[in-house]
Amino acid sequence: QVQLRESGGGLVQAGGSLRLSCAVSGGTFNKTNMGWFRQAPGKEREFVAGINWKGTTTRYGDSVKGRFIISRDNAKNTVDLQINNPKYEDTAVYYCAGSEIPLPVVVVKADGYDHWGQGTQVTVSS
């Protein structure tokens, strides 16, 4: 059974930085495309960033391009999200997600992912 566990959330000042990490157990991580999504109160779940199973392709949501960086370590079964220059509107619960289909491209829709973590809260203070 595939399990995803996020860590690293918390309170961060606008303009600072924060690093989220997702540890994956079970399944075949090095054949799993990974993504980060977020959901703010009263809003729909939003694609933040994704990386293919090889780590050769990444994709970002328009609102985080140039500020967030996704990376993965297939030896450690982890995928990280580096949040730079956060803004108040980045405040949300951030979810790690995994897809069992090892596509060469990054899927941006939530229904393209099979496994989800429980989420970690990121709060940006202005």
Foldseek 3Di string as FASTA:
>chain_A
DKAKAKDWADEAEQQAKTKMKIAIDDDQQLQKKKFKWWDAPPGDIFGAKIAFSPRPDMDGDPVCPPAKDWGDDSVRRMIMIMGGRDDQVVWTWMKMFIANHRDNYTDGDPVRTDDIHPTGTHGYDD
